[in-house]
Protein backbone atom coordinates (compact mmCIF):
# COMPACT_ATOMS: atom_id res chain seq x y z
CA MET A 1 0.01 0.01 0.02
CA GLY A 2 1.12 3.50 -0.95
CA PHE A 3 0.70 6.47 1.10
CA LYS A 4 -2.45 7.10 0.06
CA GLU A 5 -3.98 4.00 1.73
CA ASN A 6 -2.59 4.49 4.59
CA LEU A 7 -3.12 8.22 5.34
CA LYS A 8 -7.22 6.10 4.49
CA ALA A 9 -6.19 3.27 6.42
CA LYS A 10 -5.19 5.88 9.70
CA LEU A 11 -7.78 8.06 9.12
CA GLU A 12 -10.65 5.40 9.03
CA TYR A 13 -8.88 3.90 12.75
CA ASN A 14 -8.84 7.20 14.16
CA GLY A 15 -12.79 7.43 13.61
CA MET A 16 -11.49 11.08 11.51
CA LEU A 17 -13.34 13.31 9.04
CA VAL A 18 -10.39 15.22 6.92
CA LYS A 19 -11.46 18.26 8.11
CA GLU A 20 -10.85 16.74 11.64
CA LEU A 21 -7.01 15.93 10.54
CA ALA A 22 -6.60 19.45 8.39
CA HIS A 23 -7.42 20.85 12.49
CA LYS A 24 -5.34 18.83 14.47
CA SER A 25 -2.38 19.33 11.89
CA GLY A 26 -2.85 22.29 10.37
CA ILE A 27 -2.74 22.08 6.80
CA LYS A 28 -5.59 22.73 4.81
CA LYS A 29 -7.95 20.18 4.21
CA GLN A 30 -7.30 20.75 0.04
CA THR A 31 -4.23 19.72 0.33
CA LEU A 32 -5.15 16.22 2.52
CA ASP A 33 -8.05 15.50 0.30
CA ASN A 34 -5.47 15.92 -2.70
CA TYR A 35 -3.05 13.79 -1.14
CA LEU A 36 -6.31 10.72 -0.51
CA SER A 37 -7.09 10.93 -4.65
CA THR A 38 -4.25 11.41 -6.40
CA HIS A 39 -2.30 8.14 -5.97
CA ASN A 40 1.58 8.20 -5.47
CA THR A 41 1.42 11.92 -3.92
CA ILE A 42 3.78 12.21 -0.83
CA PRO A 43 3.97 15.51 1.24
CA ASN A 44 7.59 16.78 1.76
CA ALA A 45 9.22 15.78 4.80
CA GLU A 46 7.63 18.73 7.36
CA LEU A 47 3.77 18.44 5.37
CA ALA A 48 4.49 14.13 6.33
CA VAL A 49 5.49 14.61 10.21
CA LYS A 50 2.77 16.99 11.10
CA ILE A 51 0.54 14.12 9.35
CA ALA A 52 1.99 12.11 11.23
CA GLN A 53 1.32 13.29 14.07
CA ALA A 54 -2.05 15.09 13.87
CA LEU A 55 -2.63 10.71 13.58
CA ASP A 56 -0.46 9.52 16.53
CA THR A 57 1.45 7.15 14.22
CA SER A 58 5.18 7.85 11.92
CA VAL A 59 5.78 8.78 9.11
CA GLU A 60 7.14 5.51 8.11
CA TYR A 61 4.00 3.63 8.79
CA LEU A 62 2.26 6.59 6.21
CA ILE A 63 5.02 5.61 3.14
CA THR A 64 5.68 2.03 4.00
CA GLY A 65 2.86 1.03 5.75
CA ILE A 66 4.30 -0.92 8.27
CA GLU A 67 5.05 0.13 11.68
CA SER A 68 8.84 1.10 13.30
CA SER A 69 10.62 -2.30 14.58
CA SER A 70 10.50 -0.97 18.13
CA LYS A 71 7.15 0.01 18.54
CA HIS A 72 5.35 -3.85 17.79
CA ASP A 73 8.62 -4.88 19.57
CA SER A 74 6.85 -3.38 22.85
CA ALA A 75 2.90 -4.58 21.72
CA PRO A 76 3.47 -7.50 18.91
CA GLU A 77 -0.09 -9.07 19.44
CA LEU A 78 -1.55 -5.20 19.14
CA TYR A 79 0.47 -5.16 15.91
CA GLU A 80 -0.63 -8.47 14.82
CA LEU A 81 -4.47 -7.26 15.52
CA ILE A 82 -3.98 -4.44 13.60
CA GLU A 83 -2.59 -5.53 10.00
CA LYS A 84 -5.42 -8.58 10.19
CA TYR A 85 -8.06 -5.12 11.50
CA LYS A 86 -6.69 -3.63 7.49
CA ARG A 87 -7.37 -6.52 5.79
CA LEU A 88 -10.95 -7.16 6.81
CA SER A 89 -13.75 -6.33 4.62
CA PRO A 90 -15.53 -2.79 5.75
CA GLU A 91 -18.33 -4.70 6.34
CA LYS A 92 -16.87 -7.27 9.15
CA LYS A 93 -14.75 -4.24 10.44
CA ALA A 94 -18.14 -2.93 11.20
CA ALA A 95 -18.48 -5.92 12.90
CA LEU A 96 -15.44 -6.31 14.74
CA LEU A 97 -15.92 -2.64 15.84
CA GLN A 98 -20.14 -3.51 17.81
CA ILE A 99 -17.88 -6.69 19.09
CA VAL A 100 -15.13 -4.25 20.87
CA HIS A 101 -17.85 -1.82 21.93
CA VAL A 102 -19.61 -4.31 24.57
CA LEU A 103 -16.26 -5.54 25.46
């Protein structure tokens, strides 16, 4: 997956709208919309850092789809769950979230 797909996944995972990301990161919504609609468009380092911080993730994840090894060394089970979640269909994601809310 590329930046566009990883950004979409993080937005979905965080339950955040693009306008919320724009507000939290200080980046114009139009600029973020461009990253979400244009394939192979990657922001410069400064903007990538702002986006990653607003989404509580790493620039590495946004670009490669892989969390840094230091992050998943501390919680390998969590990393595995996230990776499996990303591969679920939208319907299965919704069902899983309902189950988690009950717990």
